[in-house]
Protein backbone atom coordinates (compact mmCIF):
# COMPACT_ATOMS: atom_id res chain seq x y z
CA SER A 1 13.18 -105.16 54.78
CA PHE A 2 12.04 -101.54 55.21
CA PHE A 3 12.90 -100.95 51.56
CA VAL A 4 10.79 -103.95 50.50
CA VAL A 5 7.88 -102.70 52.62
CA VAL A 6 8.09 -99.30 50.90
CA ILE A 7 8.04 -100.93 47.45
CA ALA A 8 5.11 -103.15 48.42
CA ALA A 9 3.17 -100.16 49.73
CA ALA A 10 3.86 -98.22 46.52
CA SER A 11 2.76 -101.22 44.42
CA LEU A 12 -0.49 -101.50 46.36
CA ALA A 13 -1.09 -97.77 46.02
CA ILE A 14 -0.61 -98.01 42.27
CA PHE A 15 -2.84 -101.09 42.01
CA PHE A 16 -5.78 -99.57 43.88
CA LEU A 17 -5.54 -95.86 43.14
CA PHE A 18 -4.36 -95.63 39.53
CA PRO A 19 -7.32 -97.60 38.03
CA ALA A 20 -9.63 -95.48 40.21
CA ALA A 21 -8.22 -92.33 38.59
CA ILE A 22 -8.71 -93.85 35.14
CA GLU A 23 -12.30 -94.76 36.06
CA ARG A 24 -13.02 -91.22 37.29
CA GLN A 25 -11.80 -89.66 34.05
CA ALA A 26 -13.65 -92.20 31.89
CA ARG A 27 -16.80 -91.63 33.95
CA VAL A 28 -16.58 -87.86 33.39
CA ALA A 29 -16.17 -88.43 29.64
CA LEU A 30 -19.14 -90.83 29.58
CA ALA A 31 -21.31 -88.40 31.54
CA SER A 32 -20.41 -85.56 29.16
CA LYS A 33 -21.27 -87.75 26.19
CA GLY A 34 -24.62 -88.75 27.73
CA GLU A 35 -25.55 -85.12 28.35
CA SER A 36 -24.58 -84.15 24.78
CA ILE A 37 -26.57 -86.99 23.19
CA ALA A 38 -29.65 -86.33 25.37
CA ALA A 39 -29.55 -82.61 24.56
CA MET A 40 -29.08 -83.27 20.83
CA VAL A 41 -31.99 -85.71 20.68
CA ALA A 42 -34.21 -83.35 22.72
CA HIS A 43 -33.49 -80.59 20.21
CA SER A 44 -34.03 -82.67 17.06
CA ALA A 45 -37.18 -84.37 18.42
CA THR A 46 -38.98 -81.15 19.43
CA ALA A 47 -40.62 -80.40 16.07
CA PRO A 48 -41.66 -84.02 15.33
CA LEU A 49 -43.11 -84.35 18.85
CA VAL A 50 -45.13 -81.14 18.51
CA PHE A 51 -46.68 -82.35 15.26
CA ASP A 52 -47.12 -85.93 16.56
CA ASP A 53 -44.67 -87.16 13.91
CA ARG A 54 -43.67 -90.45 15.50
CA ALA A 55 -41.55 -91.38 12.48
CA GLY A 56 -39.58 -88.16 12.92
CA VAL A 57 -39.14 -88.83 16.63
CA ARG A 58 -37.96 -92.38 15.91
CA GLU A 59 -35.52 -91.03 13.30
CA SER A 60 -33.98 -88.75 15.94
CA LEU A 61 -33.67 -91.66 18.40
CA GLU A 62 -32.20 -94.03 15.81
CA ALA A 63 -29.59 -91.39 14.86
CA ALA A 64 -28.39 -91.39 18.47
CA LEU A 65 -28.20 -95.21 18.43
CA LYS A 66 -25.28 -94.95 15.99
CA SER A 67 -23.10 -94.23 19.01
CA PRO A 68 -21.77 -97.62 20.20
CA ASP A 69 -22.18 -96.61 23.85
CA VAL A 70 -25.97 -96.03 23.63
CA SER A 71 -27.83 -99.12 24.87
CA HIS A 72 -31.34 -97.69 25.15
CA ILE A 73 -33.11 -94.42 24.33
CA GLU A 74 -36.72 -93.34 24.64
CA VAL A 75 -38.98 -90.30 24.61
CA ILE A 76 -41.29 -89.96 27.61
CA GLY A 77 -44.47 -87.85 27.54
CA PRO A 78 -45.58 -85.33 30.18
CA ASP A 79 -47.66 -88.07 31.80
CA ASP A 80 -44.46 -90.12 32.36
CA ARG A 81 -45.52 -92.66 29.74
CA SER A 82 -43.07 -93.86 27.11
CA ILE A 83 -43.93 -92.54 23.64
CA ILE A 84 -41.18 -94.24 21.63
CA SER A 85 -38.41 -96.50 22.93
CA VAL A 86 -35.58 -97.95 20.84
CA SER A 87 -32.58 -100.14 21.68
CA PRO A 88 -29.92 -101.89 19.64
CA GLU A 89 -30.00 -105.67 19.58
CA GLY A 90 -29.07 -106.88 23.05
CA GLY A 91 -29.17 -103.35 24.50
CA LEU A 92 -29.70 -102.82 28.23
CA SER A 93 -31.79 -100.18 30.01
CA THR A 94 -32.11 -99.03 33.60
CA SER A 95 -34.84 -100.65 35.66
CA GLN A 96 -34.70 -98.02 38.42
CA ALA A 97 -36.75 -94.83 38.67
CA ARG A 98 -35.83 -92.39 35.92
CA SER A 99 -33.63 -89.48 36.95
CA ALA A 100 -31.28 -87.07 35.20
CA HIS A 101 -28.28 -88.46 37.07
CA VAL A 102 -27.58 -91.48 39.26
CA GLU A 103 -24.81 -92.17 41.70
CA TRP A 104 -22.04 -93.95 39.82
CA GLU A 105 -21.24 -97.49 40.85
CA SER A 106 -18.62 -99.72 39.23
CA SER A 107 -21.17 -102.54 38.97
CA LEU A 108 -23.63 -100.49 36.87
CA ALA A 109 -24.28 -101.97 33.43
CA VAL A 110 -25.82 -98.75 32.11
CA TYR A 111 -25.54 -95.08 33.04
CA PRO A 112 -28.73 -93.02 32.47
CA HIS A 113 -29.12 -89.38 31.44
CA GLU A 114 -32.16 -87.24 30.71
CA ALA A 115 -32.92 -83.96 28.95
CA SER A 116 -36.21 -82.05 28.80
CA ILE A 117 -37.91 -81.38 25.48
CA LEU A 118 -39.03 -77.75 25.66
CA LEU A 119 -41.49 -75.73 23.59
CA ASP A 120 -41.45 -72.01 24.37
CA GLY A 121 -39.75 -72.81 27.65
CA GLU A 122 -42.41 -75.36 28.72
CA PRO A 123 -41.57 -79.09 28.96
CA ILE A 124 -43.50 -81.29 26.53
CA GLY A 125 -41.54 -84.46 27.13
CA THR A 126 -38.28 -85.99 28.29
CA VAL A 127 -35.48 -87.82 26.46
CA HIS A 128 -34.05 -90.74 28.48
CA VAL A 129 -30.68 -92.12 27.30
CA ASP A 130 -28.92 -95.17 28.74
CA LEU A 131 -25.20 -95.43 28.02
CA SER A 132 -23.46 -98.78 28.36
CA THR A 133 -20.60 -98.77 30.84
CA ALA A 134 -18.96 -101.77 29.18
CA ALA A 135 -16.22 -99.63 27.58
CA VAL A 136 -15.43 -97.94 30.90
CA GLN A 137 -15.34 -101.25 32.77
CA SER A 138 -13.12 -102.76 30.06
CA GLN A 139 -10.76 -99.79 30.26
CA VAL A 140 -10.56 -100.08 34.06
CA ALA A 141 -9.95 -103.83 33.81
CA GLN A 142 -7.12 -103.28 31.33
CA ALA A 143 -5.64 -100.62 33.59
CA ARG A 144 -5.81 -102.99 36.58
CA ALA A 145 -4.07 -105.74 34.60
CA ALA A 146 -1.33 -103.41 33.40
CA VAL A 147 -0.87 -101.91 36.87
CA ALA A 148 -0.80 -105.37 38.45
CA LEU A 149 2.03 -106.36 36.11
CA ILE A 150 3.93 -103.15 36.78
CA ALA A 151 3.33 -103.52 40.53
CA LEU A 152 4.63 -107.11 40.45
CA ILE A 153 7.72 -106.10 38.50
CA THR A 154 8.26 -103.21 40.89
CA LEU A 155 8.01 -105.48 43.93
CA ILE A 156 10.42 -108.07 42.48
CA LEU A 157 12.96 -105.48 41.40
CA GLY A 158 12.66 -103.72 44.74
CA THR A 159 13.41 -106.93 46.62
CA LEU A 160 16.46 -107.66 44.47
CA VAL A 161 17.73 -104.14 44.88
CA ALA A 162 17.22 -104.25 48.64
CA VAL A 163 19.24 -107.48 48.89
CA GLY A 164 21.99 -106.54 46.41
CA ILE A 165 22.50 -102.81 46.70
CA GLY A 166 20.68 -101.52 49.75
CA SER A 167 20.06 -98.03 50.91
CA ARG A 168 21.36 -96.09 47.87
CA MET A 169 18.23 -97.13 45.95
CA ILE A 170 15.76 -95.84 48.51
CA ALA A 171 15.63 -92.22 47.32
CA PRO A 172 14.92 -92.95 43.59
CA LEU A 173 12.28 -95.53 44.43
CA ALA A 174 10.67 -93.18 46.93
CA GLY A 175 10.41 -90.65 44.09
CA VAL A 176 8.74 -93.23 41.85
CA ALA A 177 6.31 -94.10 44.65
CA ALA A 178 5.50 -90.43 45.21
CA THR A 179 4.88 -89.97 41.48
CA ALA A 180 2.62 -93.02 41.46
CA GLU A 181 0.55 -91.55 44.29
CA ARG A 182 0.20 -88.23 42.45
CA ILE A 183 -0.89 -90.03 39.29
CA ALA A 184 -3.32 -92.16 41.28
CA ALA A 185 -4.83 -88.93 42.61
CA GLY A 186 -5.56 -87.88 39.02
CA ASP A 187 -2.39 -85.94 38.06
CA LEU A 188 -1.52 -87.71 34.79
CA GLU A 189 1.06 -85.02 33.97
CA SER A 190 3.46 -86.26 36.68
CA ARG A 191 6.43 -88.37 35.63
CA ALA A 192 8.94 -90.46 37.58
CA HIS A 193 12.58 -89.29 37.68
CA ALA A 194 15.46 -91.71 38.24
CA PRO A 195 18.85 -90.22 37.22
CA ALA A 196 20.75 -93.50 37.61
CA ASP A 197 20.97 -95.73 34.53
CA ASP A 198 20.16 -98.95 36.40
CA GLU A 199 17.16 -101.12 37.17
CA VAL A 200 15.36 -98.31 38.99
CA GLY A 201 15.93 -95.94 36.06
CA GLN A 202 14.59 -98.52 33.62
CA LEU A 203 11.58 -99.06 35.87
CA ALA A 204 10.90 -95.29 35.92
CA GLU A 205 11.12 -95.15 32.12
CA SER A 206 8.73 -98.10 31.77
CA PHE A 207 6.35 -96.50 34.24
CA ASN A 208 6.46 -93.18 32.35
CA ARG A 209 5.82 -94.93 29.03
CA MET A 210 2.81 -96.67 30.51
CA VAL A 211 1.44 -93.36 31.82
CA ASP A 212 2.07 -91.73 28.43
CA GLN A 213 0.13 -94.48 26.68
CA VAL A 214 -2.76 -94.27 29.12
CA GLN A 215 -2.88 -90.47 28.82
CA ALA A 216 -2.75 -90.59 25.02
CA THR A 217 -5.53 -93.20 24.94
CA GLN A 218 -7.65 -91.11 27.29
CA GLU A 219 -7.15 -87.95 25.21
CA ARG A 220 -8.06 -89.78 22.00
CA LEU A 221 -11.17 -91.23 23.65
CA VAL A 222 -12.38 -87.85 24.95
CA HIS A 223 -11.63 -86.12 21.64
CA SER A 224 -13.40 -88.84 19.66
CA GLN A 225 -16.47 -88.62 21.88
CA LYS A 226 -16.56 -84.82 21.63
CA MET A 227 -16.26 -84.87 17.84
CA GLU A 228 -18.94 -87.54 17.58
CA SER A 229 -21.32 -85.46 19.71
CA VAL A 230 -20.55 -82.28 17.75
CA GLY A 231 -21.13 -84.12 14.46
CA LYS A 232 -24.50 -85.44 15.57
CA LEU A 233 -25.53 -82.01 16.84
CA ALA A 234 -24.48 -80.40 13.55
CA GLY A 235 -26.53 -82.98 11.64
CA GLY A 236 -29.64 -82.26 13.73
CA ILE A 237 -29.29 -78.50 13.27
CA ALA A 238 -28.75 -78.85 9.52
CA HIS A 239 -31.81 -81.09 9.21
CA ASP A 240 -34.05 -78.55 10.98
CA PHE A 241 -32.56 -75.64 9.02
CA ASN A 242 -33.20 -77.49 5.76
CA ASN A 243 -36.90 -77.69 6.64
CA LEU A 244 -37.00 -73.92 7.11
CA LEU A 245 -35.20 -73.36 3.80
CA THR A 246 -37.73 -75.54 2.00
CA THR A 247 -40.52 -73.23 3.20
CA ILE A 248 -38.57 -70.09 2.23
CA MET A 249 -37.64 -71.33 -1.25
CA GLY A 250 -41.17 -72.61 -1.89
CA SER A 251 -42.68 -69.26 -0.87
CA ALA A 252 -40.26 -67.44 -3.16
CA ASP A 253 -41.28 -69.64 -6.09
CA LEU A 254 -44.97 -68.90 -5.42
CA MET A 255 -44.25 -65.16 -5.25
CA LEU A 256 -42.57 -65.28 -8.67
CA LEU A 257 -45.65 -66.96 -10.12
CA ASP A 258 -47.86 -64.15 -8.77
CA LEU A 259 -45.58 -61.25 -9.79
CA PRO A 260 -45.78 -60.17 -13.45
CA GLU A 261 -42.67 -59.63 -15.58
CA GLY A 262 -41.05 -56.26 -14.89
CA HIS A 263 -42.49 -55.95 -11.39
CA VAL A 264 -40.14 -54.05 -9.04
CA CYS A 265 -40.26 -56.82 -6.44
CA ARG A 266 -39.07 -59.65 -8.73
CA GLU A 267 -35.42 -58.68 -8.26
CA GLU A 268 -35.77 -58.90 -4.47
CA VAL A 269 -37.38 -62.34 -4.78
CA PHE A 270 -34.47 -63.50 -6.95
CA GLU A 271 -32.12 -62.29 -4.20
CA ILE A 272 -34.09 -64.41 -1.70
CA GLN A 273 -33.71 -67.47 -3.94
CA GLU A 274 -29.95 -66.91 -4.34
CA ALA A 275 -29.48 -66.52 -0.58
CA GLY A 276 -31.57 -69.65 0.01
CA THR A 277 -29.43 -71.62 -2.45
CA ARG A 278 -26.23 -70.61 -0.63
CA ALA A 279 -27.80 -71.47 2.71
CA ALA A 280 -28.76 -74.89 1.34
CA THR A 281 -25.10 -75.40 0.37
CA LEU A 282 -24.07 -74.65 3.95
CA THR A 283 -26.54 -77.21 5.31
CA LYS A 284 -25.09 -79.79 2.91
CA GLN A 285 -21.66 -79.06 4.38
CA LEU A 286 -23.03 -79.55 7.90
CA LEU A 287 -24.64 -82.84 6.89
CA ALA A 288 -21.39 -83.95 5.27
CA PHE A 289 -19.53 -83.06 8.49
CA SER A 290 -21.96 -85.19 10.50
CA ARG A 291 -21.54 -88.03 7.94
CA ARG A 292 -25.24 -87.98 7.13
CA GLN A 293 -24.64 -86.95 3.52
CA VAL A 294 -22.02 -88.16 1.03
CA THR A 295 -19.97 -85.46 -0.70
CA GLN A 296 -20.33 -85.16 -4.49
CA PRO A 297 -16.92 -84.45 -6.04
CA LYS A 298 -16.82 -83.44 -9.71
CA ILE A 299 -14.52 -81.68 -12.19
CA LEU A 300 -14.33 -78.00 -11.17
CA ASP A 301 -12.62 -74.77 -12.21
CA LEU A 302 -11.19 -73.44 -8.95
CA ASN A 303 -11.22 -69.90 -10.36
CA GLU A 304 -15.00 -70.12 -10.81
CA VAL A 305 -15.43 -71.35 -7.24
CA ILE A 306 -13.44 -68.38 -5.90
CA THR A 307 -15.36 -65.93 -8.10
CA GLY A 308 -18.64 -67.37 -6.83
CA VAL A 309 -17.78 -66.73 -3.17
CA GLU A 310 -15.87 -63.46 -3.69
CA LYS A 311 -18.79 -61.24 -2.66
CA MET A 312 -19.39 -63.35 0.46
CA LEU A 313 -15.67 -63.24 1.33
CA LYS A 314 -15.59 -59.44 1.15
CA ARG A 315 -18.48 -59.26 3.61
CA LEU A 316 -16.83 -61.91 5.77
CA ILE A 317 -13.47 -60.13 6.23
CA GLY A 318 -15.04 -56.67 6.61
CA ASP A 319 -13.63 -53.28 5.73
CA GLN A 320 -10.43 -53.61 7.76
CA LEU A 321 -8.78 -55.79 5.09
CA THR A 322 -8.18 -55.13 1.38
CA PHE A 323 -9.31 -58.12 -0.69
CA ASP A 324 -7.60 -59.04 -3.98
CA THR A 325 -7.38 -62.08 -6.28
CA SER A 326 -4.68 -63.34 -8.63
CA LEU A 327 -6.21 -66.17 -10.67
CA ASP A 328 -4.25 -68.16 -13.25
CA PRO A 329 -6.35 -68.27 -16.47
CA GLY A 330 -4.66 -71.54 -17.50
CA LEU A 331 -5.40 -73.29 -14.22
CA VAL A 332 -5.70 -77.08 -14.36
CA PRO A 333 -9.20 -78.36 -13.33
CA VAL A 334 -9.59 -80.15 -9.99
CA HIS A 335 -11.78 -83.05 -8.86
CA ALA A 336 -13.48 -82.00 -5.62
CA ASP A 337 -16.77 -81.15 -3.91
CA ALA A 338 -17.69 -77.52 -4.59
CA GLY A 339 -19.28 -76.97 -1.18
CA ASN A 340 -16.22 -78.34 0.62
CA LEU A 341 -13.91 -76.12 -1.44
CA GLU A 342 -15.99 -73.04 -0.63
CA GLN A 343 -15.81 -73.93 3.07
CA VAL A 344 -12.00 -74.34 2.88
CA ILE A 345 -11.64 -70.94 1.18
CA MET A 346 -13.85 -69.23 3.78
CA ASN A 347 -11.88 -70.90 6.61
CA LEU A 348 -8.62 -69.61 5.12
CA ALA A 349 -10.09 -66.12 4.83
CA VAL A 350 -11.25 -66.12 8.47
CA ASN A 351 -7.82 -67.33 9.64
CA ALA A 352 -6.14 -64.57 7.62
CA LYS A 353 -8.47 -61.96 9.12
CA ASP A 354 -7.66 -63.16 12.64
CA ALA A 355 -3.92 -63.03 11.84
CA MET A 356 -4.15 -59.36 10.75
CA PRO A 357 -6.05 -57.54 13.53
CA GLY A 358 -4.46 -54.24 12.49
CA GLY A 359 -5.58 -54.52 8.86
CA GLY A 360 -3.76 -55.54 5.71
CA THR A 361 -4.27 -57.12 2.29
CA LEU A 362 -5.72 -60.59 1.70
CA THR A 363 -4.84 -62.00 -1.72
CA LEU A 364 -6.20 -65.30 -3.06
CA THR A 365 -3.88 -66.79 -5.69
CA THR A 366 -4.36 -69.84 -7.90
CA ARG A 367 -1.67 -71.54 -9.98
CA SER A 368 -0.71 -74.97 -11.24
CA ILE A 369 2.43 -76.67 -9.87
CA GLU A 370 4.18 -79.69 -11.37
CA LEU A 371 5.82 -81.95 -8.79
CA GLU A 372 9.12 -83.55 -9.76
CA ASP A 373 9.29 -85.71 -6.61
CA GLU A 374 6.70 -87.34 -4.41
CA LEU A 375 5.28 -84.95 -1.79
CA GLU A 376 4.64 -86.23 1.74
CA LEU A 377 1.36 -84.96 3.21
CA SER A 378 0.52 -84.61 6.90
CA ARG A 379 -2.51 -86.88 6.42
CA GLY A 380 -3.55 -89.40 3.78
CA GLU A 381 -1.65 -90.84 0.84
CA PRO A 382 1.40 -88.91 -0.50
CA LEU A 383 1.06 -86.99 -3.76
CA PRO A 384 2.85 -88.70 -6.67
CA PRO A 385 5.01 -86.69 -9.13
CA GLY A 386 3.05 -84.81 -11.77
């Protein structure tokens, strides 16, 4: 009977504490996402708000609405009056007094966050974001259902073991119960150990598999939310930077109209235009990363792409590395986006520089390879022979 009581206590501990740990981690992830979205919108809405560009402000808010967790978002003026408020169809918003953070309660339908819109360090407004807690509540409910099933199985198996085998099962089950308590306290790295290949060992393996699945799901959720926030932030920065480039390129064009042929300053203006063009390519890559712009693949000569970024690569790797190229003149053309290829090449160069802190030689080589057999790739469809 003591053994059954121990199993029942462990089952109850799992049922009440494990979902609480899942809720705490999901709450932290949701809070981090709310802060990221509020900060991103506050940044992208600053310029439109200064110039009273309500369409620009609405565009910033609607970009944030692409996140499925956002149920309501608005920009509030210094006088605490709503300037623009947007919500998806059926979206919920908080009815309580606005505040940057609220005390979390499991019954909350939305979780609010705020970020100040600053101009030269002075607040000119506030972004208020409401995140739906439906995903968190669903995750907790699923965890409770799974834990309830595991707890029931544990209790039944424990009773059978107590009747049939007795005291020799107490130690392994006590270890499983201790592991469950550690996991319920938030230590998802703990695993149950049951050396015997019997019912208790199978239970420990099932328990560990369940924890592995929950941990993997949690990691994927946090990573997905982080990447989504980073992508939106990159899109906002690229959009603002593009506006600055438009002014720079336009001013350069006007300068060329005013400067006569042969003027000593025309060469410097051409350098400004070339730098602006490369900067515009970088903003396109940022927009593509944030999925706000579709890439434009076309038939390219990879050798020409490398030659075009060679000067930039030399400046990027510095004087500590010797830079060299070995380009196949008979290289087969490729179908790709030029900006993406340039970014890949620069990433490879930076990785090579980091791998050779004591100096060395960086050589970029191009050549065509004919595959006799299908090649398995780490991601995407395999490459067919050819």
